[in-house]
Amino acid sequence: MNVIQGVVVVVHREGRFLMIQRAPHILAGGAWCFVGGGIEPGESQEAAVVREFREEVGGGVRPLGKVWEYTRPDGMLILHWWLAELEDDALTLNFDEVTQCRWCTPEEIDALTDVLESNRAFLREVGRALLLN
């Protein structure tokens, strides 16, 4: 059994997190989540953060540090959550992967109807505290 390893990119500014809605034809299509994806063989978590952000929303980020880890209940998926700094405000969505993006407060994320459970857990356990720092 191969455990899938992935990264999640947490970018925030002015009390809001950058969220994406996944394209309808991909895994968890239509769901709202932070930018992220799988770590490629031999790739570091930091490199995956930069690559996934560029691939999904066309922007550059600088990884600042790992802030949380999520393991799916079946143990087959481990997500490494990284805080990252946006290097450029110009984002160009990859519509093969992302339908839309928006900057959301935690309350706005709570109000979204289709948010991935790991993202809700992150907000409960870590996310809101990040906005206070």
C-alpha atoms as a PDB file:
ATOM      1  CA  MET A   1       0.000   0.000   0.000  1.00  0.00           C
ATOM      2  CA  ASN A   2       1.417   3.339  -1.058  1.00  0.00           C
ATOM      3  CA  VAL A   3       0.625   6.284   1.178  1.00  0.00           C
ATOM      4  CA  ILE A   4       0.051   9.445  -0.861  1.00  0.00           C
ATOM      5  CA  GLN A   5       1.984  12.495   0.338  1.00  0.00           C
ATOM      6  CA  GLY A   6       0.811  15.984  -0.552  1.00  0.00           C
ATOM      7  CA  VAL A   7       1.276  19.636   0.279  1.00  0.00           C
ATOM      8  CA  VAL A   8      -1.255  22.349   1.000  1.00  0.00           C
ATOM      9  CA  VAL A   9      -0.280  25.975   0.425  1.00  0.00           C
ATOM     10  CA  VAL A  10      -1.635  28.460   2.965  1.00  0.00           C
ATOM     11  CA  VAL A  11      -1.427  32.067   1.800  1.00  0.00           C
ATOM     12  CA  HIS A  12      -3.128  34.839   3.739  1.00  0.00           C
ATOM     13  CA  ARG A  13      -3.313  38.602   3.776  1.00  0.00           C
ATOM     14  CA  GLU A  14      -5.466  41.154   5.554  1.00  0.00           C
ATOM     15  CA  GLY A  15      -7.349  38.469   7.499  1.00  0.00           C
ATOM     16  CA  ARG A  16      -8.223  36.374   4.448  1.00  0.00           C
ATOM     17  CA  PHE A  17      -6.988  33.074   3.036  1.00  0.00           C
ATOM     18  CA  LEU A  18      -6.598  32.325  -0.665  1.00  0.00           C
ATOM     19  CA  MET A  19      -9.075  29.567  -1.557  1.00  0.00           C
ATOM     20  CA  ILE A  20      -9.721  27.785  -4.845  1.00  0.00           C
ATOM     21  CA  GLN A  21     -12.664  25.885  -6.242  1.00  0.00           C
ATOM     22  CA  ARG A  22     -11.524  22.698  -7.932  1.00  0.00           C
ATOM     23  CA  ALA A  23     -12.442  22.110 -11.578  1.00  0.00           C
ATOM     24  CA  PRO A  24     -15.498  19.839 -11.955  1.00  0.00           C
ATOM     25  CA  HIS A  25     -13.743  16.997 -13.805  1.00  0.00           C
ATOM     26  CA  ILE A  26     -10.906  16.362 -11.301  1.00  0.00           C
ATOM     27  CA  LEU A  27     -10.877  14.499  -7.973  1.00  0.00           C
ATOM     28  CA  ALA A  28     -13.165  16.321  -5.494  1.00  0.00           C
ATOM     29  CA  GLY A  29     -14.395  18.503  -8.359  1.00  0.00           C
ATOM     30  CA  GLY A  30     -16.333  21.577  -7.307  1.00  0.00           C
ATOM     31  CA  ALA A  31     -14.947  21.526  -3.763  1.00  0.00           C
ATOM     32  CA  TRP A  32     -13.367  24.576  -2.151  1.00  0.00           C
ATOM     33  CA  CYS A  33      -9.896  24.185  -0.683  1.00  0.00           C
ATOM     34  CA  PHE A  34      -6.474  25.697  -0.315  1.00  0.00           C
ATOM     35  CA  VAL A  35      -4.050  25.296  -3.220  1.00  0.00           C
ATOM     36  CA  GLY A  36      -2.198  21.979  -3.076  1.00  0.00           C
ATOM     37  CA  GLY A  37      -1.419  18.623  -4.560  1.00  0.00           C
ATOM     38  CA  GLY A  38       0.801  15.594  -4.585  1.00  0.00           C
ATOM     39  CA  ILE A  39       4.514  15.537  -3.924  1.00  0.00           C
ATOM     40  CA  GLU A  40       6.382  14.048  -6.883  1.00  0.00           C
ATOM     41  CA  PRO A  41       9.014  11.304  -6.326  1.00  0.00           C
ATOM     42  CA  GLY A  42      12.272  12.865  -5.128  1.00  0.00           C
ATOM     43  CA  GLU A  43      10.654  16.291  -4.673  1.00  0.00           C
ATOM     44  CA  SER A  44      10.983  18.192  -1.386  1.00  0.00           C
ATOM     45  CA  GLN A  45       7.901  19.565   0.317  1.00  0.00           C
ATOM     46  CA  GLU A  46       9.149  23.107  -0.278  1.00  0.00           C
ATOM     47  CA  ALA A  47       9.587  22.473  -4.016  1.00  0.00           C
ATOM     48  CA  ALA A  48       6.113  20.909  -4.194  1.00  0.00           C
ATOM     49  CA  VAL A  49       4.622  24.016  -2.540  1.00  0.00           C
ATOM     50  CA  VAL A  50       6.163  26.281  -5.186  1.00  0.00           C
ATOM     51  CA  ARG A  51       5.277  23.958  -8.092  1.00  0.00           C
ATOM     52  CA  GLU A  52       1.675  23.279  -7.063  1.00  0.00           C
ATOM     53  CA  PHE A  53       0.958  26.959  -6.495  1.00  0.00           C
ATOM     54  CA  ARG A  54       2.424  27.880  -9.893  1.00  0.00           C
ATOM     55  CA  GLU A  55       0.555  25.025 -11.633  1.00  0.00           C
ATOM     56  CA  GLU A  56      -2.851  25.822 -10.126  1.00  0.00           C
ATOM     57  CA  VAL A  57      -2.983  29.601  -9.876  1.00  0.00           C
ATOM     58  CA  GLY A  58       0.030  30.754 -11.890  1.00  0.00           C
ATOM     59  CA  GLY A  59       1.683  32.714  -9.118  1.00  0.00           C
ATOM     60  CA  GLY A  60       4.880  32.554  -7.193  1.00  0.00           C
ATOM     61  CA  VAL A  61       5.211  31.849  -3.481  1.00  0.00           C
ATOM     62  CA  ARG A  62       8.027  31.582  -0.999  1.00  0.00           C
ATOM     63  CA  PRO A  63       7.534  28.727   1.505  1.00  0.00           C
ATOM     64  CA  LEU A  64       7.866  30.021   5.076  1.00  0.00           C
ATOM     65  CA  GLY A  65       7.438  26.823   7.070  1.00  0.00           C
ATOM     66  CA  LYS A  66       5.309  23.807   7.766  1.00  0.00           C
ATOM     67  CA  VAL A  67       2.433  24.676  10.100  1.00  0.00           C
ATOM     68  CA  TRP A  68       0.328  21.506  10.327  1.00  0.00           C
ATOM     69  CA  GLU A  69      -0.065  17.928   9.176  1.00  0.00           C
ATOM     70  CA  TYR A  70      -3.224  16.018   8.354  1.00  0.00           C
ATOM     71  CA  THR A  71      -3.535  12.249   8.002  1.00  0.00           C
ATOM     72  CA  ARG A  72      -6.736  10.928   6.467  1.00  0.00           C
ATOM     73  CA  PRO A  73      -8.512   8.475   8.811  1.00  0.00           C
ATOM     74  CA  ASP A  74      -7.593   5.495   6.594  1.00  0.00           C
ATOM     75  CA  GLY A  75      -3.910   6.508   6.790  1.00  0.00           C
ATOM     76  CA  MET A  76      -3.514   6.517   3.005  1.00  0.00           C
ATOM     77  CA  LEU A  77      -3.092  10.279   2.594  1.00  0.00           C
ATOM     78  CA  ILE A  78      -0.784  12.621   4.505  1.00  0.00           C
ATOM     79  CA  LEU A  79      -0.999  16.342   3.799  1.00  0.00           C
ATOM     80  CA  HIS A  80       1.777  18.710   4.846  1.00  0.00           C
ATOM     81  CA  TRP A  81       0.388  22.222   5.366  1.00  0.00           C
ATOM     82  CA  TRP A  82       2.817  25.038   4.540  1.00  0.00           C
ATOM     83  CA  LEU A  83       2.533  28.736   5.201  1.00  0.00           C
ATOM     84  CA  ALA A  84       3.766  30.643   2.146  1.00  0.00           C
ATOM     85  CA  GLU A  85       4.241  34.247   1.155  1.00  0.00           C
ATOM     86  CA  LEU A  86       2.770  35.474  -2.098  1.00  0.00           C
ATOM     87  CA  GLU A  87       5.506  36.925  -4.323  1.00  0.00           C
ATOM     88  CA  ASP A  88       3.222  38.517  -6.923  1.00  0.00           C
ATOM     89  CA  ASP A  89      -0.459  39.495  -6.829  1.00  0.00           C
ATOM     90  CA  ALA A  90      -0.957  38.564 -10.490  1.00  0.00           C
ATOM     91  CA  LEU A  91      -2.609  35.128 -10.555  1.00  0.00           C
ATOM     92  CA  THR A  92      -3.525  33.252 -13.736  1.00  0.00           C
ATOM     93  CA  LEU A  93      -5.781  30.291 -13.009  1.00  0.00           C
ATOM     94  CA  ASN A  94      -5.180  26.942 -14.678  1.00  0.00           C
ATOM     95  CA  PHE A  95      -8.779  26.167 -15.631  1.00  0.00           C
ATOM     96  CA  ASP A  96      -7.886  22.481 -16.100  1.00  0.00           C
ATOM     97  CA  GLU A  97      -7.527  22.341 -12.300  1.00  0.00           C
ATOM     98  CA  VAL A  98      -9.234  25.427 -10.840  1.00  0.00           C
ATOM     99  CA  THR A  99     -12.606  27.019 -11.594  1.00  0.00           C
ATOM    100  CA  GLN A 100     -12.140  30.132  -9.472  1.00  0.00           C
ATOM    101  CA  CYS A 101     -10.238  31.569  -6.538  1.00  0.00           C
ATOM    102  CA  ARG A 102     -11.125  34.094  -3.879  1.00  0.00           C
ATOM    103  CA  TRP A 103      -9.776  35.600  -0.690  1.00  0.00           C
ATOM    104  CA  CYS A 104     -11.953  34.435   2.228  1.00  0.00           C
ATOM    105  CA  THR A 105     -12.179  35.105   5.930  1.00  0.00           C
ATOM    106  CA  PRO A 106     -12.550  32.007   8.118  1.00  0.00           C
ATOM    107  CA  GLU A 107     -16.233  32.884   8.506  1.00  0.00           C
ATOM    108  CA  GLU A 108     -16.686  33.032   4.734  1.00  0.00           C
ATOM    109  CA  ILE A 109     -14.979  29.644   4.404  1.00  0.00           C
ATOM    110  CA  ASP A 110     -17.324  28.238   7.062  1.00  0.00           C
ATOM    111  CA  ALA A 111     -20.272  29.461   4.973  1.00  0.00           C
ATOM    112  CA  LEU A 112     -19.124  27.682   1.795  1.00  0.00           C
ATOM    113  CA  THR A 113     -21.130  24.498   1.243  1.00  0.00           C
ATOM    114  CA  ASP A 114     -18.468  22.261  -0.281  1.00  0.00           C
ATOM    115  CA  VAL A 115     -15.175  22.640   1.610  1.00  0.00           C
ATOM    116  CA  LEU A 116     -12.846  19.657   1.915  1.00  0.00           C
ATOM    117  CA  GLU A 117     -12.950  18.277   5.465  1.00  0.00           C
ATOM    118  CA  SER A 118      -9.184  18.560   5.959  1.00  0.00           C
ATOM    119  CA  ASN A 119      -9.483  22.281   5.208  1.00  0.00           C
ATOM    120  CA  ARG A 120     -12.197  22.704   7.833  1.00  0.00           C
ATOM    121  CA  ALA A 121     -10.029  20.798  10.338  1.00  0.00           C
ATOM    122  CA  PHE A 122      -7.077  23.063   9.539  1.00  0.00           C
ATOM    123  CA  LEU A 123      -9.172  26.168  10.207  1.00  0.00           C
ATOM    124  CA  ARG A 124     -10.434  24.753  13.511  1.00  0.00           C
ATOM    125  CA  GLU A 125      -7.023  23.675  14.753  1.00  0.00           C
ATOM    126  CA  VAL A 126      -4.519  26.131  13.264  1.00  0.00           C
ATOM    127  CA  GLY A 127      -5.826  28.542  10.653  1.00  0.00           C
ATOM    128  CA  ARG A 128      -7.584  31.127  12.772  1.00  0.00           C
ATOM    129  CA  ALA A 129      -4.525  31.450  15.031  1.00  0.00           C
ATOM    130  CA  LEU A 130      -2.314  32.143  11.992  1.00  0.00           C
ATOM    131  CA  LEU A 131      -4.334  35.238  11.206  1.00  0.00           C
ATOM    132  CA  LEU A 132      -3.648  36.625  14.673  1.00  0.00           C
ATOM    133  CA  ASN A 133       0.136  36.551  14.219  1.00  0.00           C
END
